[in-house]
Each structure stands twice: as C-alpha cells, then as structure tokens.
Amino acid sequence: MKKIHTARHALEAHLVQGFLEAQGIGGEVRGAHLTSGWGELPVDLCTVWIKDDAQFDQADRLLVAFLQGRLAQELGAKSWQCPDCDEMLEGQFAECWNCGARRVQETRNP
C-alpha cells in the first residue's frame, strides 16, 4: 500500500477515496477518527492509501486532475442521458440525480 494523499480533515479524505474508487482504484482512509482531537494542528493524521501499488501513478494523475478541477471542466461539457429514466445530466455526474442509476461507461473499439 502507498499513501496517495494527506487530507486536512476526514471529509476530504473520504471524498478523495470515493473519487478514486469510482475510477476503479481501491483505497482506504487511515486516521480519520483522530482528526477531531487535533483541531488545526499541522499533522499528517488523516491519509488516503492505494491498495494496489501498481495503480499509484494512474491514481496520482487522476487525483491531481480532480483536485485542480480539470476533470470537472472536461466532463462538464459531456452531458449524458440516464439509461433508466431518460433524464439529461451534466458530464461530471456518475449517477442520475433523479433515479440513482449509474452512468453507463462508454466502450471504445481500437
């Protein structure tokens, strides 16, 4: 396991972990229960770890793009239609706000 991110608080750590898992990269949050006792002290207690070291470089690239807002900009213009309820959604959403159905991933032929 490799540490990919040090968060300011547990909410941020779980957001990062959830983002990575949505990209197919397993991870875990460590130290989330410790952050409430430390207040604003600059300590590395709440961290996100990647389970598969081989996915670290991919996770790092995705996380940097996510934290800089580049993914939201790229995906925002790619709207999609929910396969279950036909609601039109902005590209940055992975699930339909109306019915909860997950976005169908596009397959590309080489």
C-alpha atoms as a PDB file:
ATOM      1  CA  MET A   1       0.000   0.000   0.000  1.00  0.00           C
ATOM      2  CA  LYS A   2       1.147   3.539  -0.785  1.00  0.00           C
ATOM      3  CA  LYS A   3      -0.003   6.842   0.651  1.00  0.00           C
ATOM      4  CA  ILE A   4      -1.562   8.979  -2.101  1.00  0.00           C
ATOM      5  CA  HIS A   5      -2.992  11.943  -0.182  1.00  0.00           C
ATOM      6  CA  THR A   6      -2.845  13.704   3.166  1.00  0.00           C
ATOM      7  CA  ALA A   7      -6.161  15.368   3.927  1.00  0.00           C
ATOM      8  CA  ARG A   8      -6.963  18.369   6.074  1.00  0.00           C
ATOM      9  CA  HIS A   9      -9.926  16.528   7.583  1.00  0.00           C
ATOM     10  CA  ALA A  10     -11.868  13.266   7.351  1.00  0.00           C
ATOM     11  CA  LEU A  11     -14.456  14.613   4.918  1.00  0.00           C
ATOM     12  CA  GLU A  12     -11.763  15.492   2.382  1.00  0.00           C
ATOM     13  CA  ALA A  13     -10.103  12.086   2.805  1.00  0.00           C
ATOM     14  CA  HIS A  14     -13.357  10.222   2.191  1.00  0.00           C
ATOM     15  CA  LEU A  15     -14.115  12.406  -0.829  1.00  0.00           C
ATOM     16  CA  VAL A  16     -10.719  11.516  -2.338  1.00  0.00           C
ATOM     17  CA  GLN A  17     -11.152   7.832  -1.533  1.00  0.00           C
ATOM     18  CA  GLY A  18     -14.639   7.808  -3.089  1.00  0.00           C
ATOM     19  CA  PHE A  19     -13.361   9.546  -6.213  1.00  0.00           C
ATOM     20  CA  LEU A  20     -10.561   7.011  -6.641  1.00  0.00           C
ATOM     21  CA  GLU A  21     -12.896   4.070  -6.079  1.00  0.00           C
ATOM     22  CA  ALA A  22     -15.262   5.481  -8.714  1.00  0.00           C
ATOM     23  CA  GLN A  23     -12.256   5.337 -11.071  1.00  0.00           C
ATOM     24  CA  GLY A  24     -11.668   1.658 -10.213  1.00  0.00           C
ATOM     25  CA  ILE A  25      -8.797   2.271  -7.796  1.00  0.00           C
ATOM     26  CA  GLY A  26      -9.236   0.712  -4.371  1.00  0.00           C
ATOM     27  CA  GLY A  27      -8.060   2.587  -1.345  1.00  0.00           C
ATOM     28  CA  GLU A  28      -8.644   3.238   2.313  1.00  0.00           C
ATOM     29  CA  VAL A  29      -8.703   6.174   4.693  1.00  0.00           C
ATOM     30  CA  ARG A  30      -6.480   5.981   7.754  1.00  0.00           C
ATOM     31  CA  GLY A  31      -6.589   8.196  10.817  1.00  0.00           C
ATOM     32  CA  ALA A  32      -9.989   9.784  10.145  1.00  0.00           C
ATOM     33  CA  HIS A  33     -11.108   9.256  13.729  1.00  0.00           C
ATOM     34  CA  LEU A  34      -8.029  11.088  15.049  1.00  0.00           C
ATOM     35  CA  THR A  35      -8.520  14.414  13.277  1.00  0.00           C
ATOM     36  CA  SER A  36     -11.282  15.762  15.513  1.00  0.00           C
ATOM     37  CA  GLY A  37      -8.967  15.840  18.529  1.00  0.00           C
ATOM     38  CA  TRP A  38      -6.199  17.790  16.810  1.00  0.00           C
ATOM     39  CA  GLY A  39      -8.077  20.841  15.603  1.00  0.00           C
ATOM     40  CA  GLU A  40      -5.959  22.834  13.164  1.00  0.00           C
ATOM     41  CA  LEU A  41      -2.536  21.449  14.101  1.00  0.00           C
ATOM     42  CA  PRO A  42      -0.434  20.654  11.009  1.00  0.00           C
ATOM     43  CA  VAL A  43      -0.109  16.895  11.471  1.00  0.00           C
ATOM     44  CA  ASP A  44      -0.482  14.122   8.910  1.00  0.00           C
ATOM     45  CA  LEU A  45      -3.140  12.079  10.645  1.00  0.00           C
ATOM     46  CA  CYS A  46      -5.834  11.648   8.012  1.00  0.00           C
ATOM     47  CA  THR A  47      -4.440   9.969   4.910  1.00  0.00           C
ATOM     48  CA  VAL A  48      -5.645   8.061   1.847  1.00  0.00           C
ATOM     49  CA  TRP A  49      -3.782   4.936   0.795  1.00  0.00           C
ATOM     50  CA  ILE A  50      -3.862   2.999  -2.504  1.00  0.00           C
ATOM     51  CA  LYS A  51      -4.308  -0.758  -2.064  1.00  0.00           C
ATOM     52  CA  ASP A  52      -2.531  -1.757  -5.300  1.00  0.00           C
ATOM     53  CA  ASP A  53       0.893  -0.125  -5.669  1.00  0.00           C
ATOM     54  CA  ALA A  54       0.769  -0.734  -9.435  1.00  0.00           C
ATOM     55  CA  GLN A  55      -2.139   1.752  -9.672  1.00  0.00           C
ATOM     56  CA  PHE A  56      -0.295   4.541  -7.872  1.00  0.00           C
ATOM     57  CA  ASP A  57       0.831   6.504 -10.956  1.00  0.00           C
ATOM     58  CA  GLN A  58      -2.643   6.360 -12.507  1.00  0.00           C
ATOM     59  CA  ALA A  59      -4.229   7.366  -9.190  1.00  0.00           C
ATOM     60  CA  ASP A  60      -1.799  10.259  -8.815  1.00  0.00           C
ATOM     61  CA  ARG A  61      -2.577  11.634 -12.308  1.00  0.00           C
ATOM     62  CA  LEU A  62      -6.339  11.330 -11.752  1.00  0.00           C
ATOM     63  CA  LEU A  63      -6.179  12.881  -8.297  1.00  0.00           C
ATOM     64  CA  VAL A  64      -4.136  15.873  -9.460  1.00  0.00           C
ATOM     65  CA  ALA A  65      -6.608  16.491 -12.317  1.00  0.00           C
ATOM     66  CA  PHE A  66      -9.529  16.105  -9.880  1.00  0.00           C
ATOM     67  CA  LEU A  67      -8.112  18.474  -7.258  1.00  0.00           C
ATOM     68  CA  GLN A  68      -7.204  21.093  -9.871  1.00  0.00           C
ATOM     69  CA  GLY A  69     -10.741  20.950 -11.316  1.00  0.00           C
ATOM     70  CA  ARG A  70      -9.592  19.792 -14.754  1.00  0.00           C
ATOM     71  CA  LEU A  71     -11.776  16.667 -14.719  1.00  0.00           C
ATOM     72  CA  ALA A  72     -14.899  18.667 -13.930  1.00  0.00           C
ATOM     73  CA  GLN A  73     -14.125  21.028 -16.817  1.00  0.00           C
ATOM     74  CA  GLU A  74     -13.503  18.168 -19.249  1.00  0.00           C
ATOM     75  CA  LEU A  75     -16.519  16.131 -18.202  1.00  0.00           C
ATOM     76  CA  GLY A  76     -18.858  19.073 -17.679  1.00  0.00           C
ATOM     77  CA  ALA A  77     -19.316  19.527 -21.416  1.00  0.00           C
ATOM     78  CA  LYS A  78     -20.087  15.831 -21.995  1.00  0.00           C
ATOM     79  CA  SER A  79     -23.703  15.508 -20.951  1.00  0.00           C
ATOM     80  CA  TRP A  80     -25.356  12.106 -20.852  1.00  0.00           C
ATOM     81  CA  GLN A  81     -28.833  10.651 -20.695  1.00  0.00           C
ATOM     82  CA  CYS A  82     -29.858   8.311 -17.894  1.00  0.00           C
ATOM     83  CA  PRO A  83     -30.483   4.805 -19.261  1.00  0.00           C
ATOM     84  CA  ASP A  84     -33.331   4.243 -16.772  1.00  0.00           C
ATOM     85  CA  CYS A  85     -35.369   7.466 -16.616  1.00  0.00           C
ATOM     86  CA  ASP A  86     -34.051   9.423 -19.667  1.00  0.00           C
ATOM     87  CA  GLU A  87     -33.042  12.450 -17.538  1.00  0.00           C
ATOM     88  CA  MET A  88     -30.316  14.602 -19.121  1.00  0.00           C
ATOM     89  CA  LEU A  89     -27.308  15.088 -16.822  1.00  0.00           C
ATOM     90  CA  GLU A  90     -24.085  17.058 -16.878  1.00  0.00           C
ATOM     91  CA  GLY A  91     -20.957  15.065 -17.611  1.00  0.00           C
ATOM     92  CA  GLN A  92     -19.320  15.356 -14.200  1.00  0.00           C
ATOM     93  CA  PHE A  93     -22.057  13.267 -12.558  1.00  0.00           C
ATOM     94  CA  ALA A  94     -21.599   9.496 -12.315  1.00  0.00           C
ATOM     95  CA  GLU A  95     -25.148   8.843 -11.089  1.00  0.00           C
ATOM     96  CA  CYS A  96     -28.553  10.157 -12.050  1.00  0.00           C
ATOM     97  CA  TRP A  97     -29.867  12.677  -9.526  1.00  0.00           C
ATOM     98  CA  ASN A  98     -33.443  11.689 -10.409  1.00  0.00           C
ATOM     99  CA  CYS A  99     -33.403   7.889 -10.051  1.00  0.00           C
ATOM    100  CA  GLY A 100     -29.903   6.982  -8.826  1.00  0.00           C
ATOM    101  CA  ALA A 101     -28.912   4.878 -11.845  1.00  0.00           C
ATOM    102  CA  ARG A 102     -25.178   4.754 -12.565  1.00  0.00           C
ATOM    103  CA  ARG A 103     -23.762   6.191 -15.761  1.00  0.00           C
ATOM    104  CA  VAL A 104     -23.016   3.575 -18.406  1.00  0.00           C
ATOM    105  CA  GLN A 105     -19.327   3.756 -19.290  1.00  0.00           C
ATOM    106  CA  GLU A 106     -18.565   4.187 -22.984  1.00  0.00           C
ATOM    107  CA  THR A 107     -16.613   1.389 -24.620  1.00  0.00           C
ATOM    108  CA  ARG A 108     -14.049   2.242 -27.240  1.00  0.00           C
ATOM    109  CA  ASN A 109     -13.032  -0.026 -30.058  1.00  0.00           C
ATOM    110  CA  PRO A 110      -9.344   0.087 -31.008  1.00  0.00           C
END
